[in-house]
N, C-alpha and C. Protein backbone atom coordinates (compact mmCIF):
# COMPACT_ATOMS: atom_id res chain seq x y z
N MET A 1 0.99 -1.28 -0.14
CA MET A 1 0.19 0.00 0.50
C MET A 1 1.12 1.11 0.09
N LEU A 2 0.60 2.55 -1.35
CA LEU A 2 1.42 3.23 -1.32
C LEU A 2 0.54 4.13 0.02
N SER A 3 2.09 4.95 0.54
CA SER A 3 2.31 5.63 1.40
C SER A 3 1.45 7.13 0.29
N SER A 4 0.84 8.04 1.72
CA SER A 4 0.54 9.58 1.26
C SER A 4 1.77 9.81 0.82
N PRO A 5 1.72 10.95 -0.55
CA PRO A 5 2.89 11.79 -0.72
C PRO A 5 2.83 13.03 0.56
N ALA A 6 4.19 13.37 0.89
CA ALA A 6 4.36 14.35 1.65
C ALA A 6 3.76 15.52 1.74
N PRO A 7 3.23 16.23 0.40
CA PRO A 7 2.66 17.26 0.62
C PRO A 7 1.05 16.72 1.36
N VAL A 8 0.34 16.11 1.28
CA VAL A 8 -0.56 15.48 1.15
C VAL A 8 -1.03 15.21 2.61
N ARG A 9 0.13 14.58 3.15
CA ARG A 9 0.13 14.26 5.19
C ARG A 9 0.23 16.14 5.44
N LEU A 10 0.67 16.70 5.22
CA LEU A 10 1.19 18.04 5.38
C LEU A 10 0.08 19.09 5.34
N TRP A 11 -1.23 18.95 4.66
CA TRP A 11 -2.68 19.47 4.65
C TRP A 11 -3.43 19.23 5.46
N ILE A 12 -3.35 16.84 5.51
CA ILE A 12 -3.92 16.22 6.33
C ILE A 12 -3.51 17.16 7.71
N THR A 13 -1.83 16.88 8.71
CA THR A 13 -1.61 17.61 9.73
C THR A 13 -2.53 19.02 10.16
N ALA A 14 -2.23 19.45 9.20
CA ALA A 14 -2.96 21.12 9.13
C ALA A 14 -3.63 21.26 9.13
N GLY A 15 -4.52 20.37 8.93
CA GLY A 15 -6.33 20.16 8.81
C GLY A 15 -6.58 20.13 10.68
N VAL A 16 -6.17 18.78 10.17
CA VAL A 16 -6.45 18.60 12.10
C VAL A 16 -6.21 19.84 13.02
N LEU A 17 -4.65 20.10 13.33
CA LEU A 17 -3.94 20.71 14.15
C LEU A 17 -5.38 22.39 14.11
N LEU A 18 -5.59 23.18 12.49
CA LEU A 18 -6.11 24.48 13.27
C LEU A 18 -7.95 23.67 13.30
N GLY A 19 -9.00 22.39 12.59
CA GLY A 19 -9.75 22.15 13.25
C GLY A 19 -9.71 21.54 14.32
N THR A 20 -9.01 21.34 15.25
CA THR A 20 -8.85 21.27 16.49
C THR A 20 -8.83 22.83 17.56
N TYR A 21 -7.80 24.07 16.71
CA TYR A 21 -7.89 25.31 17.31
C TYR A 21 -8.88 26.60 17.04
N ALA A 22 -10.02 25.42 16.23
CA ALA A 22 -11.21 26.07 15.99
C ALA A 22 -12.44 25.76 16.90
N LEU A 23 -12.06 24.66 17.38
CA LEU A 23 -12.99 23.97 18.22
C LEU A 23 -12.51 24.36 19.91
N LEU A 24 -11.27 24.48 19.19
CA LEU A 24 -11.06 25.08 21.09
C LEU A 24 -10.92 26.22 21.63
N GLN A 25 -11.17 26.93 20.60
CA GLN A 25 -11.51 28.93 20.44
C GLN A 25 -13.26 29.23 21.03
N GLY A 26 -14.01 28.28 20.10
CA GLY A 26 -15.36 28.37 20.33
C GLY A 26 -15.58 27.72 21.37
N MET A 27 -14.49 27.12 22.65
CA MET A 27 -15.54 26.34 23.52
C MET A 27 -14.40 28.00 24.66
N SER A 28 -14.04 28.43 24.99
CA SER A 28 -12.80 28.88 24.91
C SER A 28 -13.69 30.19 26.45
N HIS A 29 -14.46 29.87 26.64
CA HIS A 29 -15.17 30.06 28.10
C HIS A 29 -15.52 29.22 28.80
N GLY A 30 -15.12 29.58 30.44
CA GLY A 30 -16.11 28.56 31.47
C GLY A 30 -14.92 27.25 31.17
N GLU A 31 -14.02 26.81 30.99
CA GLU A 31 -13.28 26.05 31.72
C GLU A 31 -12.95 26.69 32.98
N PRO A 32 -12.89 25.01 33.97
CA PRO A 32 -12.96 25.53 35.83
C PRO A 32 -11.15 25.62 36.25
N VAL A 33 -10.78 25.79 36.60
CA VAL A 33 -9.01 26.55 37.09
C VAL A 33 -8.97 25.28 38.21
N VAL A 34 -8.67 24.08 37.53
CA VAL A 34 -7.99 23.14 38.62
C VAL A 34 -7.76 23.43 39.77
N PRO A 35 -6.82 23.43 40.71
CA PRO A 35 -5.78 23.41 42.13
C PRO A 35 -4.56 22.26 41.40
N HIS A 36 -4.51 23.09 41.65
CA HIS A 36 -2.58 22.21 41.65
C HIS A 36 -1.63 22.73 42.75
N GLU A 37 -0.86 21.64 42.73
CA GLU A 37 0.45 21.99 43.74
C GLU A 37 1.32 22.78 42.99
N PRO A 38 2.07 23.64 43.56
CA PRO A 38 3.58 24.62 42.71
C PRO A 38 4.01 23.56 42.34
N LEU A 39 4.73 24.02 41.07
CA LEU A 39 5.99 22.53 40.65
C LEU A 39 6.72 23.09 41.22
N ARG A 40 7.26 23.97 41.33
CA ARG A 40 8.73 23.76 42.72
C ARG A 40 8.66 23.62 43.97
N GLN A 41 7.35 22.65 44.28
CA GLN A 41 7.45 22.04 45.88
C GLN A 41 7.64 20.85 45.37
N LEU A 42 8.10 20.09 43.93
CA LEU A 42 8.80 18.52 43.31
C LEU A 42 9.68 18.98 43.78
N PRO A 43 10.48 17.44 44.49
CA PRO A 43 11.96 17.68 45.46
C PRO A 43 13.47 17.82 44.83
N TYR A 44 14.19 18.66 45.39
CA TYR A 44 14.91 18.58 45.01
C TYR A 44 15.94 17.83 44.98
N ALA A 45 15.49 16.85 46.55
CA ALA A 45 16.13 15.64 45.87
C ALA A 45 15.71 14.27 45.81
N VAL A 46 16.24 14.41 44.10
CA VAL A 46 15.58 12.87 44.01
C VAL A 46 16.73 11.96 43.99
N ALA A 47 16.26 10.42 44.32
CA ALA A 47 17.41 9.04 44.73
C ALA A 47 18.45 9.88 45.39
N GLN A 48 19.67 9.86 44.28
CA GLN A 48 21.91 10.79 45.41
C GLN A 48 21.25 11.79 44.11
N TRP A 49 20.68 12.17 42.95
CA TRP A 49 20.33 13.12 42.33
C TRP A 49 20.44 14.52 43.08
N LYS A 50 21.20 15.68 43.21
CA LYS A 50 20.17 16.68 43.77
C LYS A 50 20.34 18.27 42.81
N GLY A 51 19.51 18.32 43.45
CA GLY A 51 18.76 19.72 42.07
C GLY A 51 18.88 21.54 42.54
N GLN A 52 18.98 21.97 41.37
CA GLN A 52 19.35 23.36 41.33
C GLN A 52 18.01 24.20 40.63
N GLU A 53 17.78 24.82 40.51
CA GLU A 53 16.86 25.70 39.67
C GLU A 53 17.66 26.42 39.01
N GLN A 54 17.05 26.05 37.38
CA GLN A 54 17.27 27.10 36.72
C GLN A 54 16.08 28.29 35.89
N GLU A 55 16.17 30.06 36.79
CA GLU A 55 14.81 30.48 36.34
C GLU A 55 15.99 30.27 34.46
N LEU A 56 13.82 30.73 33.77
CA LEU A 56 13.71 30.83 32.08
C LEU A 56 13.98 32.09 32.24
N PRO A 57 14.49 32.83 30.89
CA PRO A 57 14.31 34.18 30.44
C PRO A 57 12.54 34.21 30.77
N PRO A 58 12.26 36.46 30.26
CA PRO A 58 11.35 36.20 30.32
C PRO A 58 11.01 37.12 29.17
N ASP A 59 11.62 36.39 27.93
CA ASP A 59 10.78 36.09 26.52
C ASP A 59 10.86 34.16 26.43
N ILE A 60 11.42 34.01 27.42
CA ILE A 60 11.45 32.29 26.49
C ILE A 60 10.00 32.65 27.02
N LEU A 61 9.27 32.73 28.32
CA LEU A 61 8.26 32.73 28.98
C LEU A 61 7.09 32.90 28.78
N LYS A 62 7.51 34.22 27.36
CA LYS A 62 6.32 34.27 27.37
C LYS A 62 6.15 34.09 25.73
N ALA A 63 7.22 32.94 25.21
CA ALA A 63 7.03 32.33 24.33
C ALA A 63 6.41 30.99 24.73
N VAL A 64 6.33 29.81 25.59
CA VAL A 64 5.93 28.83 25.56
C VAL A 64 4.14 29.14 26.76
N GLY A 65 3.72 30.10 26.89
CA GLY A 65 2.49 30.37 27.89
C GLY A 65 2.94 29.00 28.54
N VAL A 66 3.54 29.06 29.17
CA VAL A 66 2.83 28.39 30.43
C VAL A 66 2.57 29.00 31.93
N SER A 67 1.34 28.26 32.53
CA SER A 67 0.73 29.13 33.73
C SER A 67 1.64 28.73 34.91
N ASP A 68 2.32 27.18 34.73
CA ASP A 68 3.96 27.63 36.26
C ASP A 68 4.69 26.55 35.44
N TYR A 69 5.66 26.33 35.62
CA TYR A 69 6.75 25.49 34.94
C TYR A 69 7.81 25.75 36.24
N THR A 70 9.12 24.57 36.15
CA THR A 70 10.12 24.32 37.22
C THR A 70 10.77 24.06 35.51
N ASN A 71 12.32 24.18 36.07
CA ASN A 71 13.89 23.98 35.50
C ASN A 71 15.10 23.67 36.01
N ARG A 72 15.32 22.40 36.23
CA ARG A 72 16.12 22.58 37.07
C ARG A 72 17.49 21.42 36.47
N ILE A 73 18.25 21.71 36.64
CA ILE A 73 19.25 21.22 36.69
C ILE A 73 20.14 19.57 38.28
N TYR A 74 19.31 18.55 38.11
CA TYR A 74 19.98 17.35 38.79
C TYR A 74 21.49 16.98 38.34
N SER A 75 22.44 16.78 39.99
CA SER A 75 23.76 16.61 39.44
C SER A 75 24.10 15.44 40.49
N GLN A 76 25.17 14.80 39.79
CA GLN A 76 25.61 14.16 40.98
C GLN A 76 27.04 13.98 40.92
N PRO A 77 27.91 13.97 41.81
CA PRO A 77 29.20 13.66 41.17
C PRO A 77 29.59 11.79 40.51
N ALA A 78 30.40 12.81 40.19
CA ALA A 78 31.33 11.69 38.57
C ALA A 78 29.94 10.78 37.78
N VAL A 79 29.12 11.72 37.48
CA VAL A 79 27.92 11.43 36.76
C VAL A 79 27.15 12.63 35.89
N PRO A 80 26.98 12.15 33.86
CA PRO A 80 26.31 13.01 33.73
C PRO A 80 25.52 14.12 33.78
N PRO A 81 25.37 15.50 34.29
CA PRO A 81 23.12 15.81 35.14
C PRO A 81 22.30 15.54 33.87
N VAL A 82 21.44 15.90 34.93
CA VAL A 82 20.06 15.20 34.14
C VAL A 82 19.03 16.91 34.08
N GLU A 83 18.64 16.90 33.03
CA GLU A 83 18.12 18.55 33.10
C GLU A 83 15.84 18.49 33.37
N LEU A 84 15.54 18.55 34.32
CA LEU A 84 14.54 18.59 34.01
C LEU A 84 13.61 19.67 34.30
N TYR A 85 12.92 19.44 33.26
CA TYR A 85 12.13 20.96 32.66
C TYR A 85 10.63 20.15 32.09
N VAL A 86 9.37 21.03 33.75
CA VAL A 86 7.66 21.13 33.43
C VAL A 86 7.56 21.94 33.48
N GLY A 87 6.06 21.81 32.08
CA GLY A 87 5.76 23.11 31.60
C GLY A 87 3.85 22.86 31.92
N TYR A 88 3.35 23.49 32.93
CA TYR A 88 1.91 23.41 33.47
C TYR A 88 1.04 24.16 32.75
N TYR A 89 0.09 23.65 32.04
CA TYR A 89 -1.18 25.12 31.70
C TYR A 89 -2.25 24.78 32.48
N ALA A 90 -2.85 25.64 32.45
CA ALA A 90 -4.12 25.53 33.33
C ALA A 90 -5.23 25.34 32.58
N THR A 91 -4.50 26.11 31.44
CA THR A 91 -6.05 25.78 30.12
C THR A 91 -4.98 25.73 28.54
N GLN A 92 -5.68 24.95 27.63
CA GLN A 92 -5.08 25.56 26.32
C GLN A 92 -6.21 25.52 25.05
N LYS A 93 -7.54 26.38 25.29
CA LYS A 93 -8.27 26.52 24.84
C LYS A 93 -7.97 28.15 24.20
N THR A 94 -7.65 28.64 24.46
CA THR A 94 -6.83 30.12 24.29
C THR A 94 -5.44 30.68 23.73
N GLY A 95 -5.43 29.34 23.05
CA GLY A 95 -4.25 29.89 22.24
C GLY A 95 -2.63 28.84 23.19
N ASP A 96 -2.52 29.31 24.06
CA ASP A 96 -1.49 28.59 24.76
C ASP A 96 -1.66 26.98 25.15
N THR A 97 -1.02 26.59 23.87
CA THR A 97 -0.48 25.09 24.45
C THR A 97 0.91 24.43 23.69
N MET A 98 1.00 23.34 24.95
CA MET A 98 2.38 22.77 24.79
C MET A 98 2.76 21.95 23.10
N HIS A 99 4.45 23.33 23.54
CA HIS A 99 5.35 23.52 21.95
C HIS A 99 6.48 21.98 22.10
N SER A 100 6.25 20.80 21.46
CA SER A 100 7.22 19.55 21.33
C SER A 100 8.20 19.89 21.16
N PRO A 101 9.62 19.26 21.65
CA PRO A 101 10.38 19.39 22.19
C PRO A 101 10.60 19.20 20.13
N LYS A 102 10.94 17.74 19.32
CA LYS A 102 10.22 18.14 18.44
C LYS A 102 10.53 18.80 17.07
N ASN A 103 10.02 19.85 17.60
CA ASN A 103 9.72 21.09 17.10
C ASN A 103 10.96 22.10 18.03
N CYS A 104 11.21 21.75 18.76
CA CYS A 104 11.75 23.09 19.27
C CYS A 104 12.75 22.92 19.62
N LEU A 105 13.32 22.06 20.14
CA LEU A 105 14.67 21.97 19.61
C LEU A 105 15.60 21.77 18.13
N PRO A 106 15.00 20.98 17.06
CA PRO A 106 15.57 22.15 15.87
C PRO A 106 15.51 23.31 15.68
N GLY A 107 14.52 24.01 15.82
CA GLY A 107 14.49 25.80 16.37
C GLY A 107 15.35 26.56 17.22
N SER A 108 16.34 25.56 17.85
CA SER A 108 17.33 25.86 18.91
C SER A 108 18.74 25.21 17.81
N GLY A 109 18.78 24.97 17.11
CA GLY A 109 20.03 24.45 15.69
C GLY A 109 19.91 22.92 16.80
N TRP A 110 19.39 22.14 16.88
CA TRP A 110 19.77 20.82 17.76
C TRP A 110 19.35 19.53 16.41
N GLU A 111 19.94 18.96 16.10
CA GLU A 111 20.16 18.27 14.57
C GLU A 111 19.22 16.83 14.96
N PRO A 112 18.40 16.34 14.85
CA PRO A 112 17.60 15.08 15.37
C PRO A 112 18.65 14.18 15.02
N VAL A 113 18.74 13.05 15.69
CA VAL A 113 19.88 11.89 15.18
C VAL A 113 18.77 10.86 14.65
N PHE A 114 18.27 10.84 16.72
CA PHE A 114 17.53 9.09 16.58
C PHE A 114 15.96 9.38 17.10
N SER A 115 15.00 8.70 16.97
CA SER A 115 13.47 9.02 17.49
C SER A 115 12.51 7.74 17.60
N SER A 116 12.55 8.31 18.56
CA SER A 116 11.98 6.01 19.09
C SER A 116 11.21 6.28 20.47
N TYR A 117 10.09 5.75 21.10
CA TYR A 117 10.08 5.13 22.05
C TYR A 117 10.28 4.31 23.65
N ALA A 118 10.57 4.68 23.79
CA ALA A 118 10.41 4.06 25.86
C ALA A 118 9.97 3.46 26.72
N GLU A 119 9.13 2.42 27.30
CA GLU A 119 8.99 1.84 28.02
C GLU A 119 9.00 1.60 29.50
N ILE A 120 8.31 2.27 30.38
CA ILE A 120 8.93 2.07 32.05
C ILE A 120 8.54 2.09 32.54
N ASP A 121 9.58 1.30 33.59
CA ASP A 121 7.78 0.18 34.54
C ASP A 121 8.60 1.21 35.85
N LEU A 122 7.26 1.68 36.60
CA LEU A 122 7.22 2.95 37.36
C LEU A 122 7.47 1.94 38.83
N PRO A 123 7.82 1.87 40.30
CA PRO A 123 7.99 1.21 41.12
C PRO A 123 6.52 0.76 41.80
N THR A 124 5.02 1.21 41.05
CA THR A 124 3.39 0.98 41.10
C THR A 124 3.64 0.04 40.60
N GLY A 125 4.06 -0.44 39.66
CA GLY A 125 3.53 -1.29 38.92
C GLY A 125 3.24 -1.02 37.47
N ARG A 126 3.50 0.04 37.51
CA ARG A 126 2.78 0.42 36.22
C ARG A 126 3.13 0.83 35.21
N LYS A 127 3.26 1.14 34.14
CA LYS A 127 4.45 1.57 33.16
C LYS A 127 3.78 2.42 32.32
N ILE A 128 4.49 3.65 31.95
CA ILE A 128 4.07 4.80 31.23
C ILE A 128 5.54 4.88 29.24
N LEU A 129 3.98 5.13 28.62
CA LEU A 129 5.41 4.92 27.00
C LEU A 129 6.12 6.71 27.52
N VAL A 130 7.71 6.98 27.66
CA VAL A 130 7.57 8.46 26.44
C VAL A 130 7.86 7.89 25.16
N ASN A 131 8.57 9.45 24.65
CA ASN A 131 9.25 10.34 23.41
C ASN A 131 11.19 9.43 24.42
N ASP A 132 11.81 9.32 23.67
CA ASP A 132 13.45 8.28 23.31
C ASP A 132 13.84 9.33 22.16
N TYR A 133 14.40 10.24 22.63
CA TYR A 133 14.60 11.36 21.37
C TYR A 133 16.77 11.38 21.95
N VAL A 134 17.13 11.80 20.87
CA VAL A 134 18.33 12.33 20.49
C VAL A 134 18.81 13.38 19.31
N VAL A 135 19.07 13.99 20.20
CA VAL A 135 19.84 15.23 19.40
C VAL A 135 21.72 15.44 20.29
N GLN A 136 21.29 16.39 18.41
CA GLN A 136 23.10 16.76 17.82
C GLN A 136 22.98 18.09 17.47
N LYS A 137 24.25 19.03 18.64
CA LYS A 137 24.76 20.48 18.12
C LYS A 137 26.35 20.31 17.92
N ASP A 138 26.51 20.06 16.37
CA ASP A 138 27.71 19.91 16.87
C ASP A 138 28.19 18.59 17.56
N LEU A 139 29.12 18.52 18.30
CA LEU A 139 30.10 16.95 18.13
C LEU A 139 29.49 17.10 20.13
N TYR A 140 27.95 17.77 20.57
CA TYR A 140 27.57 17.88 21.84
C TYR A 140 26.41 16.90 21.49
N LYS A 141 26.09 15.21 22.29
CA LYS A 141 24.77 14.33 21.34
C LYS A 141 24.60 14.83 23.36
N VAL A 142 23.09 14.82 23.44
CA VAL A 142 22.08 14.46 24.15
C VAL A 142 21.26 13.41 23.56
N ARG A 143 20.62 13.34 25.81
CA ARG A 143 19.76 11.59 25.26
C ARG A 143 18.60 12.83 26.00
N VAL A 144 16.57 12.27 25.42
CA VAL A 144 16.29 13.57 25.65
C VAL A 144 14.43 12.67 26.14
N MET A 145 14.08 12.61 26.73
CA MET A 145 13.20 12.37 27.00
C MET A 145 11.88 13.10 27.26
N TYR A 146 10.80 13.21 26.19
CA TYR A 146 10.05 13.56 27.02
C TYR A 146 8.35 12.76 26.88
N TRP A 147 7.07 13.81 27.56
CA TRP A 147 6.20 13.32 27.47
C TRP A 147 5.26 13.86 28.47
N TYR A 148 3.56 14.06 27.55
CA TYR A 148 2.25 14.88 27.95
C TYR A 148 1.76 14.39 28.95
N GLN A 149 1.41 14.83 30.21
CA GLN A 149 1.45 14.64 31.69
C GLN A 149 -0.42 15.01 31.72
N GLY A 150 -0.97 14.63 32.31
CA GLY A 150 -2.57 15.47 32.72
C GLY A 150 -3.68 14.00 32.18
N ARG A 151 -4.39 15.03 33.17
CA ARG A 151 -6.41 14.55 33.20
C ARG A 151 -5.56 13.14 33.47
N GLY A 152 -5.34 12.13 34.59
CA GLY A 152 -4.83 11.33 33.92
C GLY A 152 -4.50 10.32 33.09
N ARG A 153 -3.49 10.75 32.10
CA ARG A 153 -3.47 10.24 31.59
C ARG A 153 -1.86 10.02 31.24
N VAL A 154 -0.53 10.24 30.52
CA VAL A 154 0.74 10.07 30.02
C VAL A 154 0.60 9.56 28.48
N VAL A 155 1.05 10.48 27.50
CA VAL A 155 0.82 9.69 26.32
C VAL A 155 2.15 10.44 25.46
N ALA A 156 2.71 9.43 25.11
CA ALA A 156 3.75 10.99 24.44
C ALA A 156 3.54 10.77 22.90
N SER A 157 3.28 10.53 21.93
CA SER A 157 3.16 10.81 20.48
C SER A 157 1.92 12.38 20.68
N GLU A 158 2.01 12.96 20.31
CA GLU A 158 1.85 13.93 20.04
C GLU A 158 0.26 14.70 19.34
N TYR A 159 0.23 13.63 18.66
CA TYR A 159 -0.71 13.35 17.65
C TYR A 159 -2.50 12.75 19.17
N ALA A 160 -1.54 12.28 19.44
CA ALA A 160 -3.53 11.45 20.64
C ALA A 160 -2.83 12.36 21.78
N GLY A 161 -2.76 13.36 22.24
CA GLY A 161 -2.00 14.75 23.36
C GLY A 161 -2.84 14.86 22.21
N LYS A 162 -3.23 15.99 21.44
CA LYS A 162 -4.59 17.16 20.69
C LYS A 162 -6.05 15.89 20.46
N PHE A 163 -6.09 14.58 20.34
CA PHE A 163 -7.19 14.15 20.72
C PHE A 163 -7.66 14.00 22.36
N TRP A 164 -6.94 13.38 23.07
CA TRP A 164 -7.43 13.37 24.25
C TRP A 164 -7.33 14.62 24.53
N MET A 165 -6.88 15.63 24.70
CA MET A 165 -7.11 17.09 25.33
C MET A 165 -8.78 17.42 24.50
N VAL A 166 -9.07 17.16 23.60
CA VAL A 166 -10.00 18.05 22.17
C VAL A 166 -10.93 16.97 23.04
N THR A 167 -10.76 15.76 23.21
CA THR A 167 -11.49 14.58 24.03
C THR A 167 -12.55 14.97 25.69
N ASP A 168 -11.57 15.70 26.40
CA ASP A 168 -11.73 16.30 27.31
C ASP A 168 -12.10 16.88 27.39
N ALA A 169 -11.73 18.50 26.78
CA ALA A 169 -12.16 19.81 26.28
C ALA A 169 -13.73 19.28 26.71
N ILE A 170 -14.27 18.09 26.00
CA ILE A 170 -15.66 17.90 25.14
C ILE A 170 -15.91 17.83 26.30
N SER A 171 -15.79 15.87 27.01
CA SER A 171 -16.24 15.79 27.77
C SER A 171 -16.28 15.37 29.35
N ARG A 172 -15.57 16.70 29.16
CA ARG A 172 -14.83 17.00 31.11
C ARG A 172 -15.14 19.19 31.22
N ASN A 173 -14.46 19.56 30.24
CA ASN A 173 -14.68 20.47 30.38
C ASN A 173 -13.26 20.85 30.95
N ARG A 174 -12.47 20.57 30.13
CA ARG A 174 -11.04 20.72 30.95
C ARG A 174 -10.08 20.46 29.75
N THR A 175 -8.32 21.08 29.36
CA THR A 175 -7.58 21.19 29.39
C THR A 175 -6.10 21.80 29.54
N ASP A 176 -6.37 21.23 30.61
CA ASP A 176 -5.23 21.18 31.04
C ASP A 176 -4.10 20.72 30.90
N GLY A 177 -2.83 20.25 31.32
CA GLY A 177 -1.72 19.73 31.38
C GLY A 177 -1.06 19.43 30.98
N ALA A 178 0.25 19.16 31.06
CA ALA A 178 2.15 19.30 31.56
C ALA A 178 2.62 18.97 30.25
N LEU A 179 4.50 19.42 30.72
CA LEU A 179 4.63 18.76 29.51
C LEU A 179 6.80 18.90 29.80
N VAL A 180 6.55 16.94 30.19
CA VAL A 180 7.43 16.49 31.36
C VAL A 180 9.14 16.89 30.39
N ARG A 181 9.61 17.16 30.38
CA ARG A 181 11.16 17.05 29.06
C ARG A 181 12.54 16.53 29.77
N LEU A 182 13.26 15.28 30.02
CA LEU A 182 14.70 15.14 30.42
C LEU A 182 15.62 15.07 29.96
N VAL A 183 16.54 15.39 29.69
CA VAL A 183 17.44 15.36 29.05
C VAL A 183 19.58 14.80 29.54
N THR A 184 19.40 14.70 29.11
CA THR A 184 21.06 14.48 29.55
C THR A 184 22.11 14.07 28.66
N PRO A 185 23.26 14.93 28.70
CA PRO A 185 24.45 15.01 28.07
C PRO A 185 24.92 12.65 27.89
N MET A 186 25.35 12.29 26.41
CA MET A 186 25.67 11.41 26.06
C MET A 186 27.56 11.61 26.32
N SER A 187 27.74 11.70 26.98
CA SER A 187 29.53 11.61 27.28
C SER A 187 29.95 10.38 27.64
N ASP A 188 28.57 9.83 28.45
CA ASP A 188 29.57 7.98 28.79
C ASP A 188 28.82 7.42 27.86
N GLY A 189 27.90 7.07 26.79
CA GLY A 189 27.56 6.69 25.43
C GLY A 189 26.39 6.73 25.76
N GLU A 190 25.13 5.77 24.68
CA GLU A 190 23.73 5.63 24.91
C GLU A 190 22.95 5.25 25.53
N ALA A 191 23.73 3.91 26.08
CA ALA A 191 23.41 3.67 27.23
C ALA A 191 23.32 3.73 28.31
N PRO A 192 24.20 3.92 28.50
CA PRO A 192 24.18 4.26 30.26
C PRO A 192 22.73 5.43 30.42
N ALA A 193 23.37 6.78 28.49
CA ALA A 193 22.40 8.19 29.39
C ALA A 193 21.17 7.34 29.30
N ARG A 194 21.07 6.92 28.00
CA ARG A 194 18.80 5.96 28.20
C ARG A 194 19.19 5.64 29.95
N ALA A 195 19.66 4.36 29.54
CA ALA A 195 18.86 4.14 31.51
C ALA A 195 19.23 5.69 32.34
N ARG A 196 20.07 6.49 32.65
CA ARG A 196 20.11 7.18 33.16
C ARG A 196 19.02 7.95 33.30
N LEU A 197 18.16 8.58 32.30
CA LEU A 197 17.05 9.08 32.09
C LEU A 197 15.47 7.93 32.73
N ILE A 198 15.87 6.55 32.48
CA ILE A 198 14.58 5.35 32.75
C ILE A 198 14.89 6.08 33.86
N SER A 199 15.47 6.23 34.45
CA SER A 199 16.21 5.13 36.74
C SER A 199 15.24 6.96 37.30
N PHE A 200 15.76 8.10 36.47
CA PHE A 200 15.66 9.04 36.96
C PHE A 200 13.48 9.40 37.35
N ALA A 201 13.02 9.10 35.87
CA ALA A 201 11.96 9.16 35.57
C ALA A 201 11.20 8.49 37.05
N GLN A 202 11.59 7.20 36.79
CA GLN A 202 11.02 6.06 37.70
C GLN A 202 11.18 7.14 38.82
N SER A 203 11.99 7.36 39.66
CA SER A 203 12.13 8.61 40.86
C SER A 203 11.21 9.63 41.31
N LEU A 204 11.61 10.53 40.11
CA LEU A 204 10.78 11.25 39.92
C LEU A 204 9.19 11.02 40.13
N PHE A 205 8.40 9.92 39.10
CA PHE A 205 7.24 10.09 38.64
C PHE A 205 6.03 10.32 39.61
N PRO A 206 6.44 9.61 40.77
CA PRO A 206 5.20 9.19 41.96
C PRO A 206 4.98 10.96 42.65
N ASP A 207 6.56 11.47 42.53
CA ASP A 207 5.80 13.17 42.59
C ASP A 207 5.52 14.17 42.03
N LEU A 208 5.79 13.99 40.42
CA LEU A 208 4.83 14.64 39.64
C LEU A 208 3.14 13.58 39.29
N ASP A 209 3.19 12.88 39.97
CA ASP A 209 1.54 12.14 40.56
C ASP A 209 1.02 12.92 41.24
N GLU A 210 1.63 13.94 41.93
CA GLU A 210 1.12 14.42 42.78
C GLU A 210 0.66 15.58 42.86
N VAL A 211 1.43 16.21 41.46
CA VAL A 211 1.36 17.22 41.27
C VAL A 211 0.76 18.19 40.55
N ILE A 212 1.24 17.77 39.25
CA ILE A 212 0.44 17.29 37.90
C ILE A 212 -1.33 16.83 38.24
N PRO A 213 -2.34 18.12 38.29
CA PRO A 213 -3.88 17.48 38.44
C PRO A 213 -4.05 16.31 37.67
N ARG A 214 -4.85 15.35 38.80
CA ARG A 214 -5.46 14.30 37.29
C ARG A 214 -7.08 14.15 37.44
């Protein structure tokens, strides 16, 4: 079976996103504000990691349009650091929506090298599927894992995230949610970097699940 030509797929994607935007704009009144704990209440000690907040510049904050965020570097001796960014949106009906790292990183000069998914086994026995993404700038290569979390779901796919956002806007009058992104250098190799992000996510997730409304 032949796949659709690239221009056709592009127009289909644009049509879906435009329809989503129009629907949300038409429903932009009356969404309740869901109470949530400030993201900076996430622990600064995660397993053996110690975190330090990194303030985002005002122009970046304006561009991403978040209601709340935390941006940190976690470190421990003799191990490459892990960067954590969580951006929370109280509503996505007013034009402020989550920006996919697959769009933002190339726009900042990072070239994609590898894109797949990773399944993470959580301490509770639950499994979540997240994006596993490798990008490179000059000779510097990093591994990125990210996902969309909120309203009781963890979603890797941008398209699935849009689908559930529209579904929940209609059925629950809610579009709140968060983008969670982890980044680590690959200076010690691909496998250690992947294992490091998975281990960090496993340790952090129970706290994330407490501060991001379900």
